[in-house]
Amino acid sequence: MIVYKPPANERAAQPASFTFDKVFGPAFLTEAVYEEGVKNVALSALMGINATIFAYGQTSSGKTYTMRGITEKAVNDIYKHIMNNGFFG
């Protein structure tokens, strides 16, 4: 959990907290990030559940590269599911 405590001169009077479901370090491969943190969320779209996969990190830390791989894997899994089970299988 990250807690942001705004300075007194900012609008927000209360600290804001943000909780992450998963955090992956630099040693994690895209495949592991997808399998452990994304696959179930991506496939939940087939049940009508809206979801967002959010990549947060320092500039040049590999977010775009990782998200490109995750998107490719998600699309492949969704199409595979549709081919094997029908859309609402």
PDB file of N, CA and C in Angstrom:
ATOM      1  N   MET A   1       0.846  -1.167   0.000  1.00  0.00           N
ATOM      2  CA  MET A   1       0.000   0.000   0.000  1.00  0.00           C
ATOM      3  C   MET A   1       0.894   1.233   0.000  1.00  0.00           C
ATOM      4  N   ILE A   2       0.502   2.196  -0.776  1.00  0.00           N
ATOM      5  CA  ILE A   2       1.205   3.471  -0.828  1.00  0.00           C
ATOM      6  C   ILE A   2       0.272   4.524  -0.264  1.00  0.00           C
ATOM      7  N   VAL A   3       0.768   5.345   0.632  1.00  0.00           N
ATOM      8  CA  VAL A   3      -0.031   6.423   1.197  1.00  0.00           C
ATOM      9  C   VAL A   3       0.604   7.745   0.785  1.00  0.00           C
ATOM     10  N   TYR A   4      -0.205   8.590   0.148  1.00  0.00           N
ATOM     11  CA  TYR A   4       0.251   9.907  -0.276  1.00  0.00           C
ATOM     12  C   TYR A   4      -0.289  10.922   0.714  1.00  0.00           C
ATOM     13  N   LYS A   5       0.608  11.650   1.350  1.00  0.00           N
ATOM     14  CA  LYS A   5       0.222  12.690   2.300  1.00  0.00           C
ATOM     15  C   LYS A   5       0.501  14.037   1.649  1.00  0.00           C
ATOM     16  N   PRO A   6      -0.571  14.702   1.183  1.00  0.00           N
ATOM     17  CA  PRO A   6      -0.374  15.960   0.468  1.00  0.00           C
ATOM     18  C   PRO A   6       0.111  17.069   1.387  1.00  0.00           C
ATOM     19  N   PRO A   7       0.881  17.996   0.833  1.00  0.00           N
ATOM     20  CA  PRO A   7       1.296  19.159   1.616  1.00  0.00           C
ATOM     21  C   PRO A   7       0.071  19.982   2.025  1.00  0.00           C
ATOM     22  N   ALA A   8       0.211  20.766   3.047  1.00  0.00           N
ATOM     23  CA  ALA A   8      -0.905  21.540   3.595  1.00  0.00           C
ATOM     24  C   ALA A   8      -1.532  22.477   2.569  1.00  0.00           C
ATOM     25  N   ASN A   9      -0.760  22.957   1.598  1.00  0.00           N
ATOM     26  CA  ASN A   9      -1.296  23.916   0.629  1.00  0.00           C
ATOM     27  C   ASN A   9      -2.065  23.255  -0.519  1.00  0.00           C
ATOM     28  N   GLU A  10      -2.152  21.928  -0.574  1.00  0.00           N
ATOM     29  CA  GLU A  10      -2.919  21.240  -1.618  1.00  0.00           C
ATOM     30  C   GLU A  10      -4.365  21.069  -1.184  1.00  0.00           C
ATOM     31  N   ARG A  11      -5.243  20.888  -2.160  1.00  0.00           N
ATOM     32  CA  ARG A  11      -6.676  20.741  -1.898  1.00  0.00           C
ATOM     33  C   ARG A  11      -7.017  19.594  -0.964  1.00  0.00           C
ATOM     34  N   ALA A  12      -6.471  18.440  -1.244  1.00  0.00           N
ATOM     35  CA  ALA A  12      -6.823  17.246  -0.471  1.00  0.00           C
ATOM     36  C   ALA A  12      -6.363  17.402   0.978  1.00  0.00           C
ATOM     37  N   ALA A  13      -7.304  17.330   1.866  1.00  0.00           N
ATOM     38  CA  ALA A  13      -6.981  17.479   3.281  1.00  0.00           C
ATOM     39  C   ALA A  13      -6.563  16.156   3.899  1.00  0.00           C
ATOM     40  N   GLN A  14      -7.037  15.059   3.327  1.00  0.00           N
ATOM     41  CA  GLN A  14      -6.761  13.734   3.873  1.00  0.00           C
ATOM     42  C   GLN A  14      -5.726  12.998   3.023  1.00  0.00           C
ATOM     43  N   PRO A  15      -4.937  12.163   3.650  1.00  0.00           N
ATOM     44  CA  PRO A  15      -4.017  11.327   2.869  1.00  0.00           C
ATOM     45  C   PRO A  15      -4.801  10.378   1.957  1.00  0.00           C
ATOM     46  N   ALA A  16      -4.269  10.077   0.813  1.00  0.00           N
ATOM     47  CA  ALA A  16      -4.884   9.122  -0.108  1.00  0.00           C
ATOM     48  C   ALA A  16      -4.045   7.854  -0.096  1.00  0.00           C
ATOM     49  N   SER A  17      -4.717   6.707  -0.049  1.00  0.00           N
ATOM     50  CA  SER A  17      -3.979   5.447  -0.075  1.00  0.00           C
ATOM     51  C   SER A  17      -4.329   4.673  -1.334  1.00  0.00           C
ATOM     52  N   PHE A  18      -3.355   3.954  -1.857  1.00  0.00           N
ATOM     53  CA  PHE A  18      -3.509   3.166  -3.066  1.00  0.00           C
ATOM     54  C   PHE A  18      -2.987   1.766  -2.774  1.00  0.00           C
ATOM     55  N   THR A  19      -3.787   0.761  -3.077  1.00  0.00           N
ATOM     56  CA  THR A  19      -3.396  -0.617  -2.834  1.00  0.00           C
ATOM     57  C   THR A  19      -3.224  -1.328  -4.177  1.00  0.00           C
ATOM     58  N   PHE A  20      -2.132  -2.022  -4.346  1.00  0.00           N
ATOM     59  CA  PHE A  20      -1.856  -2.759  -5.568  1.00  0.00           C
ATOM     60  C   PHE A  20      -2.120  -4.235  -5.337  1.00  0.00           C
ATOM     61  N   ASP A  21      -2.724  -4.906  -6.340  1.00  0.00           N
ATOM     62  CA  ASP A  21      -2.956  -6.344  -6.241  1.00  0.00           C
ATOM     63  C   ASP A  21      -1.644  -7.119  -6.316  1.00  0.00           C
ATOM     64  N   LYS A  22      -0.783  -6.696  -7.201  1.00  0.00           N
ATOM     65  CA  LYS A  22       0.504  -7.366  -7.402  1.00  0.00           C
ATOM     66  C   LYS A  22       1.562  -6.326  -7.734  1.00  0.00           C
ATOM     67  N   VAL A  23       2.781  -6.617  -7.333  1.00  0.00           N
ATOM     68  CA  VAL A  23       3.930  -5.790  -7.698  1.00  0.00           C
ATOM     69  C   VAL A  23       5.009  -6.755  -8.182  1.00  0.00           C
ATOM     70  N   PHE A  24       5.558  -6.475  -9.360  1.00  0.00           N
ATOM     71  CA  PHE A  24       6.573  -7.339  -9.949  1.00  0.00           C
ATOM     72  C   PHE A  24       7.877  -6.574 -10.071  1.00  0.00           C
ATOM     73  N   GLY A  25       8.946  -7.214  -9.676  1.00  0.00           N
ATOM     74  CA  GLY A  25      10.266  -6.601  -9.755  1.00  0.00           C
ATOM     75  C   GLY A  25      10.867  -6.740 -11.144  1.00  0.00           C
ATOM     76  N   PRO A  26      12.046  -6.177 -11.331  1.00  0.00           N
ATOM     77  CA  PRO A  26      12.676  -6.170 -12.652  1.00  0.00           C
ATOM     78  C   PRO A  26      13.089  -7.553 -13.157  1.00  0.00           C
ATOM     79  N   ALA A  27      13.203  -8.530 -12.289  1.00  0.00           N
ATOM     80  CA  ALA A  27      13.634  -9.862 -12.711  1.00  0.00           C
ATOM     81  C   ALA A  27      12.488 -10.699 -13.294  1.00  0.00           C
ATOM     82  N   PHE A  28      11.249 -10.256 -13.132  1.00  0.00           N
ATOM     83  CA  PHE A  28      10.117 -11.019 -13.640  1.00  0.00           C
ATOM     84  C   PHE A  28      10.027 -10.914 -15.156  1.00  0.00           C
ATOM     85  N   LEU A  29       9.814 -12.056 -15.798  1.00  0.00           N
ATOM     86  CA  LEU A  29       9.613 -12.095 -17.238  1.00  0.00           C
ATOM     87  C   LEU A  29       8.167 -11.729 -17.562  1.00  0.00           C
ATOM     88  N   THR A  30       7.942 -11.241 -18.771  1.00  0.00           N
ATOM     89  CA  THR A  30       6.593 -10.871 -19.199  1.00  0.00           C
ATOM     90  C   THR A  30       5.632 -12.044 -19.038  1.00  0.00           C
ATOM     91  N   GLU A  31       6.074 -13.248 -19.350  1.00  0.00           N
ATOM     92  CA  GLU A  31       5.223 -14.433 -19.238  1.00  0.00           C
ATOM     93  C   GLU A  31       4.753 -14.636 -17.800  1.00  0.00           C
ATOM     94  N   ALA A  32       5.651 -14.441 -16.838  1.00  0.00           N
ATOM     95  CA  ALA A  32       5.289 -14.598 -15.433  1.00  0.00           C
ATOM     96  C   ALA A  32       4.324 -13.508 -14.989  1.00  0.00           C
ATOM     97  N   VAL A  33       4.551 -12.289 -15.438  1.00  0.00           N
ATOM     98  CA  VAL A  33       3.644 -11.187 -15.098  1.00  0.00           C
ATOM     99  C   VAL A  33       2.258 -11.496 -15.649  1.00  0.00           C
ATOM    100  N   TYR A  34       2.190 -11.973 -16.883  1.00  0.00           N
ATOM    101  CA  TYR A  34       0.897 -12.302 -17.491  1.00  0.00           C
ATOM    102  C   TYR A  34       0.202 -13.432 -16.722  1.00  0.00           C
ATOM    103  N   GLU A  35       0.899 -14.529 -16.508  1.00  0.00           N
ATOM    104  CA  GLU A  35       0.286 -15.693 -15.851  1.00  0.00           C
ATOM    105  C   GLU A  35      -0.151 -15.387 -14.416  1.00  0.00           C
ATOM    106  N   GLU A  36       0.670 -14.669 -13.674  1.00  0.00           N
ATOM    107  CA  GLU A  36       0.391 -14.432 -12.255  1.00  0.00           C
ATOM    108  C   GLU A  36      -0.503 -13.225 -11.987  1.00  0.00           C
ATOM    109  N   GLY A  37      -0.466 -12.248 -12.882  1.00  0.00           N
ATOM    110  CA  GLY A  37      -1.171 -11.024 -12.552  1.00  0.00           C
ATOM    111  C   GLY A  37      -2.209 -10.547 -13.536  1.00  0.00           C
ATOM    112  N   VAL A  38      -2.244 -11.137 -14.739  1.00  0.00           N
ATOM    113  CA  VAL A  38      -3.087 -10.553 -15.774  1.00  0.00           C
ATOM    114  C   VAL A  38      -4.092 -11.539 -16.366  1.00  0.00           C
ATOM    115  N   LYS A  39      -3.709 -12.769 -16.564  1.00  0.00           N
ATOM    116  CA  LYS A  39      -4.513 -13.719 -17.334  1.00  0.00           C
ATOM    117  C   LYS A  39      -5.961 -13.798 -16.850  1.00  0.00           C
ATOM    118  N   ASN A  40      -6.177 -13.999 -15.564  1.00  0.00           N
ATOM    119  CA  ASN A  40      -7.546 -14.116 -15.057  1.00  0.00           C
ATOM    120  C   ASN A  40      -8.341 -12.828 -15.248  1.00  0.00           C
ATOM    121  N   VAL A  41      -7.668 -11.706 -15.111  1.00  0.00           N
ATOM    122  CA  VAL A  41      -8.333 -10.414 -15.312  1.00  0.00           C
ATOM    123  C   VAL A  41      -8.716 -10.264 -16.785  1.00  0.00           C
ATOM    124  N   ALA A  42      -7.817 -10.605 -17.680  1.00  0.00           N
ATOM    125  CA  ALA A  42      -8.094 -10.482 -19.113  1.00  0.00           C
ATOM    126  C   ALA A  42      -9.245 -11.393 -19.530  1.00  0.00           C
ATOM    127  N   LEU A  43      -9.238 -12.623 -19.058  1.00  0.00           N
ATOM    128  CA  LEU A  43     -10.292 -13.562 -19.438  1.00  0.00           C
ATOM    129  C   LEU A  43     -11.629 -13.236 -18.782  1.00  0.00           C
ATOM    130  N   SER A  44     -11.621 -12.463 -17.705  1.00  0.00           N
ATOM    131  CA  SER A  44     -12.879 -12.069 -17.071  1.00  0.00           C
ATOM    132  C   SER A  44     -13.713 -11.187 -17.993  1.00  0.00           C
ATOM    133  N   ALA A  45     -13.094 -10.589 -18.992  1.00  0.00           N
ATOM    134  CA  ALA A  45     -13.833  -9.787 -19.976  1.00  0.00           C
ATOM    135  C   ALA A  45     -14.856 -10.641 -20.708  1.00  0.00           C
ATOM    136  N   LEU A  46     -14.584 -11.930 -20.839  1.00  0.00           N
ATOM    137  CA  LEU A  46     -15.524 -12.832 -21.502  1.00  0.00           C
ATOM    138  C   LEU A  46     -16.788 -13.042 -20.682  1.00  0.00           C
ATOM    139  N   MET A  47     -16.742 -12.698 -19.407  1.00  0.00           N
ATOM    140  CA  MET A  47     -17.915 -12.811 -18.539  1.00  0.00           C
ATOM    141  C   MET A  47     -18.583 -11.447 -18.348  1.00  0.00           C
ATOM    142  N   GLY A  48     -18.127 -10.464 -19.092  1.00  0.00           N
ATOM    143  CA  GLY A  48     -18.724  -9.142 -19.019  1.00  0.00           C
ATOM    144  C   GLY A  48     -18.185  -8.266 -17.910  1.00  0.00           C
ATOM    145  N   ILE A  49     -17.068  -8.638 -17.342  1.00  0.00           N
ATOM    146  CA  ILE A  49     -16.472  -7.859 -16.256  1.00  0.00           C
ATOM    147  C   ILE A  49     -15.462  -6.876 -16.841  1.00  0.00           C
ATOM    148  N   ASN A  50     -15.636  -5.617 -16.538  1.00  0.00           N
ATOM    149  CA  ASN A  50     -14.675  -4.610 -16.984  1.00  0.00           C
ATOM    150  C   ASN A  50     -13.441  -4.676 -16.093  1.00  0.00           C
ATOM    151  N   ALA A  51     -12.287  -4.547 -16.687  1.00  0.00           N
ATOM    152  CA  ALA A  51     -11.055  -4.616 -15.921  1.00  0.00           C
ATOM    153  C   ALA A  51     -10.004  -3.727 -16.558  1.00  0.00           C
ATOM    154  N   THR A  52      -9.038  -3.339 -15.755  1.00  0.00           N
ATOM    155  CA  THR A  52      -7.924  -2.540 -16.234  1.00  0.00           C
ATOM    156  C   THR A  52      -6.625  -3.146 -15.728  1.00  0.00           C
ATOM    157  N   ILE A  53      -5.672  -3.245 -16.594  1.00  0.00           N
ATOM    158  CA  ILE A  53      -4.322  -3.648 -16.215  1.00  0.00           C
ATOM    159  C   ILE A  53      -3.497  -2.377 -16.301  1.00  0.00           C
ATOM    160  N   PHE A  54      -2.903  -2.000 -15.213  1.00  0.00           N
ATOM    161  CA  PHE A  54      -2.214  -0.719 -15.114  1.00  0.00           C
ATOM    162  C   PHE A  54      -0.743  -0.964 -14.842  1.00  0.00           C
ATOM    163  N   ALA A  55       0.107  -0.416 -15.679  1.00  0.00           N
ATOM    164  CA  ALA A  55       1.551  -0.533 -15.478  1.00  0.00           C
ATOM    165  C   ALA A  55       2.072   0.798 -14.960  1.00  0.00           C
ATOM    166  N   TYR A  56       2.726   0.737 -13.843  1.00  0.00           N
ATOM    167  CA  TYR A  56       3.253   1.945 -13.218  1.00  0.00           C
ATOM    168  C   TYR A  56       4.734   1.730 -12.952  1.00  0.00           C
ATOM    169  N   GLY A  57       5.524   2.704 -13.250  1.00  0.00           N
ATOM    170  CA  GLY A  57       6.946   2.574 -12.970  1.00  0.00           C
ATOM    171  C   GLY A  57       7.733   3.731 -13.531  1.00  0.00           C
ATOM    172  N   GLN A  58       8.983   3.716 -13.211  1.00  0.00           N
ATOM    173  CA  GLN A  58       9.910   4.768 -13.629  1.00  0.00           C
ATOM    174  C   GLN A  58      10.033   4.809 -15.153  1.00  0.00           C
ATOM    175  N   THR A  59      10.302   5.971 -15.693  1.00  0.00           N
ATOM    176  CA  THR A  59      10.547   6.125 -17.119  1.00  0.00           C
ATOM    177  C   THR A  59      11.670   5.189 -17.555  1.00  0.00           C
ATOM    178  N   SER A  60      11.481   4.556 -18.696  1.00  0.00           N
ATOM    179  CA  SER A  60      12.448   3.612 -19.288  1.00  0.00           C
ATOM    180  C   SER A  60      12.618   2.336 -18.474  1.00  0.00           C
ATOM    181  N   SER A  61      11.602   1.966 -17.696  1.00  0.00           N
ATOM    182  CA  SER A  61      11.714   0.745 -16.891  1.00  0.00           C
ATOM    183  C   SER A  61      11.136  -0.479 -17.591  1.00  0.00           C
ATOM    184  N   GLY A  62      10.584  -0.318 -18.806  1.00  0.00           N
ATOM    185  CA  GLY A  62      10.099  -1.466 -19.568  1.00  0.00           C
ATOM    186  C   GLY A  62       8.592  -1.645 -19.577  1.00  0.00           C
ATOM    187  N   LYS A  63       7.843  -0.644 -19.167  1.00  0.00           N
ATOM    188  CA  LYS A  63       6.386  -0.768 -19.117  1.00  0.00           C
ATOM    189  C   LYS A  63       5.787  -1.038 -20.495  1.00  0.00           C
ATOM    190  N   THR A  64       6.185  -0.286 -21.488  1.00  0.00           N
ATOM    191  CA  THR A  64       5.628  -0.454 -22.835  1.00  0.00           C
ATOM    192  C   THR A  64       5.966  -1.828 -23.382  1.00  0.00           C
ATOM    193  N   TYR A  65       7.185  -2.267 -23.221  1.00  0.00           N
ATOM    194  CA  TYR A  65       7.610  -3.589 -23.680  1.00  0.00           C
ATOM    195  C   TYR A  65       6.780  -4.678 -23.002  1.00  0.00           C
ATOM    196  N   THR A  66       6.629  -4.586 -21.696  1.00  0.00           N
ATOM    197  CA  THR A  66       5.869  -5.583 -20.946  1.00  0.00           C
ATOM    198  C   THR A  66       4.398  -5.569 -21.344  1.00  0.00           C
ATOM    199  N   MET A  67       3.810  -4.382 -21.441  1.00  0.00           N
ATOM    200  CA  MET A  67       2.392  -4.293 -21.799  1.00  0.00           C
ATOM    201  C   MET A  67       2.132  -4.783 -23.219  1.00  0.00           C
ATOM    202  N   ARG A  68       3.068  -4.582 -24.114  1.00  0.00           N
ATOM    203  CA  ARG A  68       2.917  -5.099 -25.480  1.00  0.00           C
ATOM    204  C   ARG A  68       2.837  -6.626 -25.441  1.00  0.00           C
ATOM    205  N   GLY A  69       3.720  -7.245 -24.681  1.00  0.00           N
ATOM    206  CA  GLY A  69       3.706  -8.701 -24.558  1.00  0.00           C
ATOM    207  C   GLY A  69       2.458  -9.210 -23.857  1.00  0.00           C
ATOM    208  N   ILE A  70       2.023  -8.500 -22.837  1.00  0.00           N
ATOM    209  CA  ILE A  70       0.818  -8.880 -22.108  1.00  0.00           C
ATOM    210  C   ILE A  70      -0.411  -8.769 -23.006  1.00  0.00           C
ATOM    211  N   THR A  71      -0.491  -7.706 -23.782  1.00  0.00           N
ATOM    212  CA  THR A  71      -1.633  -7.520 -24.689  1.00  0.00           C
ATOM    213  C   THR A  71      -1.688  -8.638 -25.713  1.00  0.00           C
ATOM    214  N   GLU A  72      -0.552  -8.988 -26.270  1.00  0.00           N
ATOM    215  CA  GLU A  72      -0.505 -10.075 -27.248  1.00  0.00           C
ATOM    216  C   GLU A  72      -0.976 -11.387 -26.628  1.00  0.00           C
ATOM    217  N   LYS A  73      -0.506 -11.684 -25.437  1.00  0.00           N
ATOM    218  CA  LYS A  73      -0.908 -12.920 -24.758  1.00  0.00           C
ATOM    219  C   LYS A  73      -2.392 -12.909 -24.411  1.00  0.00           C
ATOM    220  N   ALA A  74      -2.908 -11.780 -23.965  1.00  0.00           N
ATOM    221  CA  ALA A  74      -4.328 -11.680 -23.613  1.00  0.00           C
ATOM    222  C   ALA A  74      -5.210 -11.893 -24.838  1.00  0.00           C
ATOM    223  N   VAL A  75      -4.884 -11.237 -25.937  1.00  0.00           N
ATOM    224  CA  VAL A  75      -5.671 -11.393 -27.163  1.00  0.00           C
ATOM    225  C   VAL A  75      -5.631 -12.844 -27.628  1.00  0.00           C
ATOM    226  N   ASN A  76      -4.462 -13.467 -27.596  1.00  0.00           N
ATOM    227  CA  ASN A  76      -4.348 -14.876 -27.992  1.00  0.00           C
ATOM    228  C   ASN A  76      -5.209 -15.765 -27.102  1.00  0.00           C
ATOM    229  N   ASP A  77      -5.167 -15.558 -25.793  1.00  0.00           N
ATOM    230  CA  ASP A  77      -5.958 -16.378 -24.882  1.00  0.00           C
ATOM    231  C   ASP A  77      -7.458 -16.157 -25.061  1.00  0.00           C
ATOM    232  N   ILE A  78      -7.857 -14.934 -25.296  1.00  0.00           N
ATOM    233  CA  ILE A  78      -9.285 -14.650 -25.511  1.00  0.00           C
ATOM    234  C   ILE A  78      -9.770 -15.334 -26.783  1.00  0.00           C
ATOM    235  N   TYR A  79      -9.024 -15.214 -27.874  1.00  0.00           N
ATOM    236  CA  TYR A  79      -9.420 -15.883 -29.109  1.00  0.00           C
ATOM    237  C   TYR A  79      -9.407 -17.400 -28.950  1.00  0.00           C
ATOM    238  N   LYS A  80      -8.409 -17.922 -28.245  1.00  0.00           N
ATOM    239  CA  LYS A  80      -8.336 -19.361 -28.004  1.00  0.00           C
ATOM    240  C   LYS A  80      -9.559 -19.837 -27.228  1.00  0.00           C
ATOM    241  N   HIS A  81      -9.951 -19.083 -26.221  1.00  0.00           N
ATOM    242  CA  HIS A  81     -11.130 -19.421 -25.415  1.00  0.00           C
ATOM    243  C   HIS A  81     -12.389 -19.418 -26.277  1.00  0.00           C
ATOM    244  N   ILE A  82     -12.531 -18.402 -27.122  1.00  0.00           N
ATOM    245  CA  ILE A  82     -13.697 -18.320 -28.012  1.00  0.00           C
ATOM    246  C   ILE A  82     -13.728 -19.505 -28.979  1.00  0.00           C
ATOM    247  N   MET A  83     -12.582 -19.848 -29.529  1.00  0.00           N
ATOM    248  CA  MET A  83     -12.519 -20.970 -30.480  1.00  0.00           C
ATOM    249  C   MET A  83     -12.863 -22.305 -29.787  1.00  0.00           C
ATOM    250  N   ASN A  84     -12.419 -22.482 -28.545  1.00  0.00           N
ATOM    251  CA  ASN A  84     -12.626 -23.740 -27.841  1.00  0.00           C
ATOM    252  C   ASN A  84     -13.983 -23.846 -27.156  1.00  0.00           C
ATOM    253  N   ASN A  85     -14.550 -22.726 -26.712  1.00  0.00           N
ATOM    254  CA  ASN A  85     -15.750 -22.778 -25.870  1.00  0.00           C
ATOM    255  C   ASN A  85     -16.918 -21.951 -26.385  1.00  0.00           C
ATOM    256  N   GLY A  86     -16.732 -21.231 -27.442  1.00  0.00           N
ATOM    257  CA  GLY A  86     -17.757 -20.275 -27.838  1.00  0.00           C
ATOM    258  C   GLY A  86     -17.584 -19.011 -27.015  1.00  0.00           C
ATOM    259  N   PHE A  87     -18.260 -17.976 -27.398  1.00  0.00           N
ATOM    260  CA  PHE A  87     -18.029 -16.680 -26.747  1.00  0.00           C
ATOM    261  C   PHE A  87     -18.370 -16.683 -25.271  1.00  0.00           C
ATOM    262  N   PHE A  88     -19.486 -17.290 -24.887  1.00  0.00           N
ATOM    263  CA  PHE A  88     -19.911 -17.235 -23.479  1.00  0.00           C
ATOM    264  C   PHE A  88     -19.629 -18.535 -22.752  1.00  0.00           C
ATOM    265  N   GLY A  89     -18.706 -19.370 -23.291  1.00  0.00           N
ATOM    266  CA  GLY A  89     -18.404 -20.671 -22.701  1.00  0.00           C
ATOM    267  C   GLY A  89     -17.918 -20.545 -21.346  1.00  0.00           C
TER     268      GLY A  89
END
